[in-house]
Amino acid sequence: MISSQAINEFFAWAPFVVLAVILVVAYVWTRGEKQLAAPIGKTYSCARCGRRGVREHMVPVTVEGAVVWYCGRCAHAH
């Protein structure tokens, strides 16, 4: 038979053990994400079609104080 002191100690330590397991799993699960994500680099996304391009191939347009970038094709249509 299990003593009441053993049950009390189990329930006293269980939350800490579960928290430690969750933290370890979360750490192991997320520690490599930064290494796997490839940087996009210095590219800009077209505000109309979403095409990405380097700064030299994009056309900046100021709209209400904000700079919006368009690709060459969408800038001519704008």
PDB file of N, CA and C in Angstrom:
ATOM      1  N   MET A   1       0.840  -1.167   0.000  1.00  0.00           N
ATOM      2  CA  MET A   1       0.000   0.000   0.000  1.00  0.00           C
ATOM      3  C   MET A   1       0.893   1.241   0.000  1.00  0.00           C
ATOM      4  N   ILE A   2       0.441   2.268  -0.705  1.00  0.00           N
ATOM      5  CA  ILE A   2       1.212   3.510  -0.797  1.00  0.00           C
ATOM      6  C   ILE A   2       0.861   4.393   0.388  1.00  0.00           C
ATOM      7  N   SER A   3       1.893   4.924   1.013  1.00  0.00           N
ATOM      8  CA  SER A   3       1.649   5.763   2.183  1.00  0.00           C
ATOM      9  C   SER A   3       1.161   7.141   1.761  1.00  0.00           C
ATOM     10  N   SER A   4       0.500   7.789   2.672  1.00  0.00           N
ATOM     11  CA  SER A   4      -0.029   9.123   2.378  1.00  0.00           C
ATOM     12  C   SER A   4       1.103  10.141   2.186  1.00  0.00           C
ATOM     13  N   GLN A   5       2.234   9.923   2.849  1.00  0.00           N
ATOM     14  CA  GLN A   5       3.372  10.823   2.678  1.00  0.00           C
ATOM     15  C   GLN A   5       3.944  10.703   1.266  1.00  0.00           C
ATOM     16  N   ALA A   6       3.997   9.515   0.712  1.00  0.00           N
ATOM     17  CA  ALA A   6       4.491   9.312  -0.658  1.00  0.00           C
ATOM     18  C   ALA A   6       3.550   9.991  -1.653  1.00  0.00           C
ATOM     19  N   ILE A   7       2.261   9.875  -1.427  1.00  0.00           N
ATOM     20  CA  ILE A   7       1.288  10.545  -2.313  1.00  0.00           C
ATOM     21  C   ILE A   7       1.438  12.060  -2.215  1.00  0.00           C
ATOM     22  N   ASN A   8       1.592  12.575  -1.005  1.00  0.00           N
ATOM     23  CA  ASN A   8       1.762  14.026  -0.819  1.00  0.00           C
ATOM     24  C   ASN A   8       3.035  14.520  -1.489  1.00  0.00           C
ATOM     25  N   GLU A   9       4.125  13.763  -1.381  1.00  0.00           N
ATOM     26  CA  GLU A   9       5.368  14.179  -2.022  1.00  0.00           C
ATOM     27  C   GLU A   9       5.261  14.118  -3.541  1.00  0.00           C
ATOM     28  N   PHE A  10       4.556  13.088  -4.041  1.00  0.00           N
ATOM     29  CA  PHE A  10       4.364  12.992  -5.491  1.00  0.00           C
ATOM     30  C   PHE A  10       3.616  14.213  -6.012  1.00  0.00           C
ATOM     31  N   PHE A  11       2.511  14.574  -5.380  1.00  0.00           N
ATOM     32  CA  PHE A  11       1.735  15.723  -5.837  1.00  0.00           C
ATOM     33  C   PHE A  11       2.419  17.055  -5.533  1.00  0.00           C
ATOM     34  N   ALA A  12       3.341  17.067  -4.602  1.00  0.00           N
ATOM     35  CA  ALA A  12       4.100  18.287  -4.326  1.00  0.00           C
ATOM     36  C   ALA A  12       5.144  18.542  -5.414  1.00  0.00           C
ATOM     37  N   TRP A  13       5.788  17.468  -5.915  1.00  0.00           N
ATOM     38  CA  TRP A  13       6.849  17.616  -6.910  1.00  0.00           C
ATOM     39  C   TRP A  13       6.356  17.517  -8.349  1.00  0.00           C
ATOM     40  N   ALA A  14       5.188  16.961  -8.571  1.00  0.00           N
ATOM     41  CA  ALA A  14       4.679  16.742  -9.925  1.00  0.00           C
ATOM     42  C   ALA A  14       4.593  18.029 -10.754  1.00  0.00           C
ATOM     43  N   PRO A  15       4.059  19.137 -10.248  1.00  0.00           N
ATOM     44  CA  PRO A  15       4.008  20.349 -11.081  1.00  0.00           C
ATOM     45  C   PRO A  15       5.386  20.849 -11.508  1.00  0.00           C
ATOM     46  N   PHE A  16       6.370  20.742 -10.623  1.00  0.00           N
ATOM     47  CA  PHE A  16       7.714  21.195 -10.970  1.00  0.00           C
ATOM     48  C   PHE A  16       8.350  20.290 -12.024  1.00  0.00           C
ATOM     49  N   VAL A  17       8.113  19.001 -11.910  1.00  0.00           N
ATOM     50  CA  VAL A  17       8.661  18.050 -12.879  1.00  0.00           C
ATOM     51  C   VAL A  17       7.999  18.257 -14.244  1.00  0.00           C
ATOM     52  N   VAL A  18       6.687  18.447 -14.260  1.00  0.00           N
ATOM     53  CA  VAL A  18       5.980  18.681 -15.523  1.00  0.00           C
ATOM     54  C   VAL A  18       6.456  19.989 -16.156  1.00  0.00           C
ATOM     55  N   LEU A  19       6.627  21.032 -15.359  1.00  0.00           N
ATOM     56  CA  LEU A  19       7.138  22.311 -15.882  1.00  0.00           C
ATOM     57  C   LEU A  19       8.535  22.138 -16.464  1.00  0.00           C
ATOM     58  N   ALA A  20       9.395  21.414 -15.766  1.00  0.00           N
ATOM     59  CA  ALA A  20      10.760  21.202 -16.263  1.00  0.00           C
ATOM     60  C   ALA A  20      10.738  20.417 -17.572  1.00  0.00           C
ATOM     61  N   VAL A  21       9.882  19.412 -17.677  1.00  0.00           N
ATOM     62  CA  VAL A  21       9.795  18.627 -18.912  1.00  0.00           C
ATOM     63  C   VAL A  21       9.298  19.506 -20.055  1.00  0.00           C
ATOM     64  N   ILE A  22       8.284  20.335 -19.808  1.00  0.00           N
ATOM     65  CA  ILE A  22       7.758  21.235 -20.849  1.00  0.00           C
ATOM     66  C   ILE A  22       8.830  22.211 -21.304  1.00  0.00           C
ATOM     67  N   LEU A  23       9.588  22.775 -20.378  1.00  0.00           N
ATOM     68  CA  LEU A  23      10.637  23.725 -20.735  1.00  0.00           C
ATOM     69  C   LEU A  23      11.750  23.060 -21.542  1.00  0.00           C
ATOM     70  N   VAL A  24      12.128  21.856 -21.167  1.00  0.00           N
ATOM     71  CA  VAL A  24      13.179  21.144 -21.907  1.00  0.00           C
ATOM     72  C   VAL A  24      12.703  20.803 -23.309  1.00  0.00           C
ATOM     73  N   VAL A  25      11.477  20.327 -23.435  1.00  0.00           N
ATOM     74  CA  VAL A  25      10.938  19.987 -24.749  1.00  0.00           C
ATOM     75  C   VAL A  25      10.830  21.242 -25.610  1.00  0.00           C
ATOM     76  N   ALA A  26      10.344  22.336 -25.050  1.00  0.00           N
ATOM     77  CA  ALA A  26      10.236  23.580 -25.813  1.00  0.00           C
ATOM     78  C   ALA A  26      11.610  24.087 -26.234  1.00  0.00           C
ATOM     79  N   TYR A  27      12.602  23.973 -25.369  1.00  0.00           N
ATOM     80  CA  TYR A  27      13.953  24.404 -25.716  1.00  0.00           C
ATOM     81  C   TYR A  27      14.530  23.567 -26.855  1.00  0.00           C
ATOM     82  N   VAL A  28      14.406  22.260 -26.747  1.00  0.00           N
ATOM     83  CA  VAL A  28      14.952  21.374 -27.774  1.00  0.00           C
ATOM     84  C   VAL A  28      14.216  21.581 -29.097  1.00  0.00           C
ATOM     85  N   TRP A  29      12.922  21.822 -29.022  1.00  0.00           N
ATOM     86  CA  TRP A  29      12.104  21.987 -30.216  1.00  0.00           C
ATOM     87  C   TRP A  29      12.414  23.294 -30.943  1.00  0.00           C
ATOM     88  N   THR A  30      12.721  24.360 -30.218  1.00  0.00           N
ATOM     89  CA  THR A  30      12.926  25.673 -30.839  1.00  0.00           C
ATOM     90  C   THR A  30      14.380  26.085 -30.976  1.00  0.00           C
ATOM     91  N   ARG A  31      15.322  25.355 -30.462  1.00  0.00           N
ATOM     92  CA  ARG A  31      16.715  25.828 -30.493  1.00  0.00           C
ATOM     93  C   ARG A  31      17.305  25.852 -31.891  1.00  0.00           C
ATOM     94  N   GLY A  32      16.847  25.033 -32.818  1.00  0.00           N
ATOM     95  CA  GLY A  32      17.419  24.995 -34.144  1.00  0.00           C
ATOM     96  C   GLY A  32      16.658  25.818 -35.166  1.00  0.00           C
ATOM     97  N   GLU A  33      15.572  26.483 -34.770  1.00  0.00           N
ATOM     98  CA  GLU A  33      14.772  27.224 -35.736  1.00  0.00           C
ATOM     99  C   GLU A  33      15.537  28.382 -36.365  1.00  0.00           C
ATOM    100  N   LYS A  34      16.334  29.054 -35.600  1.00  0.00           N
ATOM    101  CA  LYS A  34      17.069  30.193 -36.132  1.00  0.00           C
ATOM    102  C   LYS A  34      18.108  29.747 -37.160  1.00  0.00           C
ATOM    103  N   GLN A  35      18.640  28.563 -36.986  1.00  0.00           N
ATOM    104  CA  GLN A  35      19.636  28.068 -37.924  1.00  0.00           C
ATOM    105  C   GLN A  35      18.982  27.567 -39.207  1.00  0.00           C
ATOM    106  N   LEU A  36      17.765  27.069 -39.119  1.00  0.00           N
ATOM    107  CA  LEU A  36      17.092  26.528 -40.287  1.00  0.00           C
ATOM    108  C   LEU A  36      16.505  27.618 -41.179  1.00  0.00           C
ATOM    109  N   ALA A  37      16.111  28.727 -40.580  1.00  0.00           N
ATOM    110  CA  ALA A  37      15.483  29.795 -41.352  1.00  0.00           C
ATOM    111  C   ALA A  37      16.540  30.504 -42.188  1.00  0.00           C
ATOM    112  N   ALA A  38      16.366  30.465 -43.487  1.00  0.00           N
ATOM    113  CA  ALA A  38      17.308  31.126 -44.388  1.00  0.00           C
ATOM    114  C   ALA A  38      16.952  32.601 -44.491  1.00  0.00           C
ATOM    115  N   PRO A  39      17.917  33.470 -44.352  1.00  0.00           N
ATOM    116  CA  PRO A  39      17.606  34.895 -44.460  1.00  0.00           C
ATOM    117  C   PRO A  39      17.227  35.256 -45.890  1.00  0.00           C
ATOM    118  N   ILE A  40      16.254  36.129 -46.016  1.00  0.00           N
ATOM    119  CA  ILE A  40      15.812  36.551 -47.340  1.00  0.00           C
ATOM    120  C   ILE A  40      16.846  37.464 -47.982  1.00  0.00           C
ATOM    121  N   GLY A  41      17.560  38.203 -47.171  1.00  0.00           N
ATOM    122  CA  GLY A  41      18.561  39.115 -47.712  1.00  0.00           C
ATOM    123  C   GLY A  41      17.974  40.500 -47.920  1.00  0.00           C
ATOM    124  N   LYS A  42      18.647  41.309 -48.671  1.00  0.00           N
ATOM    125  CA  LYS A  42      18.215  42.677 -48.920  1.00  0.00           C
ATOM    126  C   LYS A  42      17.284  42.723 -50.125  1.00  0.00           C
ATOM    127  N   THR A  43      16.121  42.147 -49.977  1.00  0.00           N
ATOM    128  CA  THR A  43      15.141  42.203 -51.053  1.00  0.00           C
ATOM    129  C   THR A  43      13.882  42.890 -50.546  1.00  0.00           C
ATOM    130  N   TYR A  44      13.100  43.385 -51.464  1.00  0.00           N
ATOM    131  CA  TYR A  44      11.860  44.062 -51.142  1.00  0.00           C
ATOM    132  C   TYR A  44      10.727  43.353 -51.870  1.00  0.00           C
ATOM    133  N   SER A  45       9.559  43.355 -51.276  1.00  0.00           N
ATOM    134  CA  SER A  45       8.402  42.709 -51.867  1.00  0.00           C
ATOM    135  C   SER A  45       7.517  43.773 -52.510  1.00  0.00           C
ATOM    136  N   CYS A  46       7.031  43.486 -53.716  1.00  0.00           N
ATOM    137  CA  CYS A  46       6.139  44.403 -54.422  1.00  0.00           C
ATOM    138  C   CYS A  46       4.823  44.501 -53.653  1.00  0.00           C
ATOM    139  N   ALA A  47       4.332  45.730 -53.474  1.00  0.00           N
ATOM    140  CA  ALA A  47       3.102  45.941 -52.727  1.00  0.00           C
ATOM    141  C   ALA A  47       1.882  45.459 -53.491  1.00  0.00           C
ATOM    142  N   ARG A  48       1.984  45.296 -54.779  1.00  0.00           N
ATOM    143  CA  ARG A  48       0.830  44.877 -55.576  1.00  0.00           C
ATOM    144  C   ARG A  48       0.842  43.375 -55.865  1.00  0.00           C
ATOM    145  N   CYS A  49       1.919  42.849 -56.425  1.00  0.00           N
ATOM    146  CA  CYS A  49       1.915  41.442 -56.841  1.00  0.00           C
ATOM    147  C   CYS A  49       2.708  40.531 -55.902  1.00  0.00           C
ATOM    148  N   GLY A  50       3.532  41.081 -55.018  1.00  0.00           N
ATOM    149  CA  GLY A  50       4.284  40.269 -54.071  1.00  0.00           C
ATOM    150  C   GLY A  50       5.614  39.765 -54.586  1.00  0.00           C
ATOM    151  N   ARG A  51       5.970  40.079 -55.826  1.00  0.00           N
ATOM    152  CA  ARG A  51       7.252  39.646 -56.393  1.00  0.00           C
ATOM    153  C   ARG A  51       8.388  40.282 -55.603  1.00  0.00           C
ATOM    154  N   ARG A  52       9.420  39.511 -55.321  1.00  0.00           N
ATOM    155  CA  ARG A  52      10.559  40.027 -54.564  1.00  0.00           C
ATOM    156  C   ARG A  52      11.663  40.431 -55.523  1.00  0.00           C
ATOM    157  N   GLY A  53      12.376  41.492 -55.165  1.00  0.00           N
ATOM    158  CA  GLY A  53      13.484  41.955 -55.979  1.00  0.00           C
ATOM    159  C   GLY A  53      14.451  42.779 -55.160  1.00  0.00           C
ATOM    160  N   VAL A  54      15.655  42.933 -55.666  1.00  0.00           N
ATOM    161  CA  VAL A  54      16.646  43.757 -54.982  1.00  0.00           C
ATOM    162  C   VAL A  54      16.250  45.220 -55.100  1.00  0.00           C
ATOM    163  N   ARG A  55      16.824  46.036 -54.281  1.00  0.00           N
ATOM    164  CA  ARG A  55      16.430  47.441 -54.202  1.00  0.00           C
ATOM    165  C   ARG A  55      16.582  48.173 -55.531  1.00  0.00           C
ATOM    166  N   GLU A  56      17.600  47.826 -56.286  1.00  0.00           N
ATOM    167  CA  GLU A  56      17.852  48.515 -57.552  1.00  0.00           C
ATOM    168  C   GLU A  56      16.763  48.230 -58.582  1.00  0.00           C
ATOM    169  N   HIS A  57      16.047  47.123 -58.444  1.00  0.00           N
ATOM    170  CA  HIS A  57      15.012  46.766 -59.401  1.00  0.00           C
ATOM    171  C   HIS A  57      13.617  47.164 -58.939  1.00  0.00           C
ATOM    172  N   MET A  58      13.508  47.765 -57.758  1.00  0.00           N
ATOM    173  CA  MET A  58      12.215  48.158 -57.214  1.00  0.00           C
ATOM    174  C   MET A  58      12.042  49.671 -57.332  1.00  0.00           C
ATOM    175  N   VAL A  59      10.798  50.115 -57.394  1.00  0.00           N
ATOM    176  CA  VAL A  59      10.479  51.541 -57.532  1.00  0.00           C
ATOM    177  C   VAL A  59       9.781  51.986 -56.246  1.00  0.00           C
ATOM    178  N   PRO A  60      10.395  52.926 -55.491  1.00  0.00           N
ATOM    179  CA  PRO A  60       9.738  53.396 -54.271  1.00  0.00           C
ATOM    180  C   PRO A  60       8.663  54.436 -54.602  1.00  0.00           C
ATOM    181  N   VAL A  61       7.512  54.318 -53.975  1.00  0.00           N
ATOM    182  CA  VAL A  61       6.424  55.268 -54.133  1.00  0.00           C
ATOM    183  C   VAL A  61       5.975  55.676 -52.738  1.00  0.00           C
ATOM    184  N   THR A  62       5.880  56.983 -52.487  1.00  0.00           N
ATOM    185  CA  THR A  62       5.454  57.470 -51.185  1.00  0.00           C
ATOM    186  C   THR A  62       3.933  57.599 -51.173  1.00  0.00           C
ATOM    187  N   VAL A  63       3.301  56.907 -50.236  1.00  0.00           N
ATOM    188  CA  VAL A  63       1.846  56.935 -50.104  1.00  0.00           C
ATOM    189  C   VAL A  63       1.518  57.313 -48.665  1.00  0.00           C
ATOM    190  N   GLU A  64       0.961  58.503 -48.476  1.00  0.00           N
ATOM    191  CA  GLU A  64       0.558  59.004 -47.156  1.00  0.00           C
ATOM    192  C   GLU A  64       1.696  58.927 -46.148  1.00  0.00           C
ATOM    193  N   GLY A  65       2.891  59.261 -46.551  1.00  0.00           N
ATOM    194  CA  GLY A  65       4.045  59.290 -45.666  1.00  0.00           C
ATOM    195  C   GLY A  65       4.798  57.976 -45.538  1.00  0.00           C
ATOM    196  N   ALA A  66       4.277  56.906 -46.106  1.00  0.00           N
ATOM    197  CA  ALA A  66       4.949  55.606 -46.055  1.00  0.00           C
ATOM    198  C   ALA A  66       5.527  55.282 -47.427  1.00  0.00           C
ATOM    199  N   VAL A  67       6.662  54.616 -47.435  1.00  0.00           N
ATOM    200  CA  VAL A  67       7.287  54.231 -48.688  1.00  0.00           C
ATOM    201  C   VAL A  67       6.789  52.838 -49.064  1.00  0.00           C
ATOM    202  N   VAL A  68       6.230  52.727 -50.244  1.00  0.00           N
ATOM    203  CA  VAL A  68       5.738  51.455 -50.767  1.00  0.00           C
ATOM    204  C   VAL A  68       6.602  51.094 -51.958  1.00  0.00           C
ATOM    205  N   TRP A  69       7.012  49.823 -52.043  1.00  0.00           N
ATOM    206  CA  TRP A  69       7.879  49.374 -53.122  1.00  0.00           C
ATOM    207  C   TRP A  69       7.078  48.604 -54.157  1.00  0.00           C
ATOM    208  N   TYR A  70       7.279  48.930 -55.428  1.00  0.00           N
ATOM    209  CA  TYR A  70       6.651  48.228 -56.541  1.00  0.00           C
ATOM    210  C   TYR A  70       7.737  47.661 -57.449  1.00  0.00           C
ATOM    211  N   CYS A  71       7.434  46.522 -58.072  1.00  0.00           N
ATOM    212  CA  CYS A  71       8.363  46.001 -59.074  1.00  0.00           C
ATOM    213  C   CYS A  71       8.189  46.853 -60.325  1.00  0.00           C
ATOM    214  N   GLY A  72       9.095  46.706 -61.283  1.00  0.00           N
ATOM    215  CA  GLY A  72       9.045  47.529 -62.495  1.00  0.00           C
ATOM    216  C   GLY A  72       7.763  47.370 -63.270  1.00  0.00           C
ATOM    217  N   ARG A  73       7.214  46.160 -63.320  1.00  0.00           N
ATOM    218  CA  ARG A  73       5.990  45.914 -64.070  1.00  0.00           C
ATOM    219  C   ARG A  73       4.794  46.599 -63.405  1.00  0.00           C
ATOM    220  N   CYS A  74       4.676  46.497 -62.095  1.00  0.00           N
ATOM    221  CA  CYS A  74       3.532  47.107 -61.391  1.00  0.00           C
ATOM    222  C   CYS A  74       3.690  48.626 -61.282  1.00  0.00           C
ATOM    223  N   ALA A  75       4.917  49.126 -61.262  1.00  0.00           N
ATOM    224  CA  ALA A  75       5.122  50.570 -61.164  1.00  0.00           C
ATOM    225  C   ALA A  75       4.670  51.263 -62.425  1.00  0.00           C
ATOM    226  N   HIS A  76       4.854  50.639 -63.568  1.00  0.00           N
ATOM    227  CA  HIS A  76       4.388  51.231 -64.831  1.00  0.00           C
ATOM    228  C   HIS A  76       2.874  51.176 -64.935  1.00  0.00           C
ATOM    229  N   ALA A  77       2.258  50.173 -64.351  1.00  0.00           N
ATOM    230  CA  ALA A  77       0.793  50.064 -64.376  1.00  0.00           C
ATOM    231  C   ALA A  77       0.157  50.994 -63.357  1.00  0.00           C
ATOM    232  N   HIS A  78       0.923  51.412 -62.373  1.00  0.00           N
ATOM    233  CA  HIS A  78       0.390  52.286 -61.314  1.00  0.00           C
ATOM    234  C   HIS A  78       0.399  53.682 -61.845  1.00  0.00           C
TER     235      HIS A  78
END
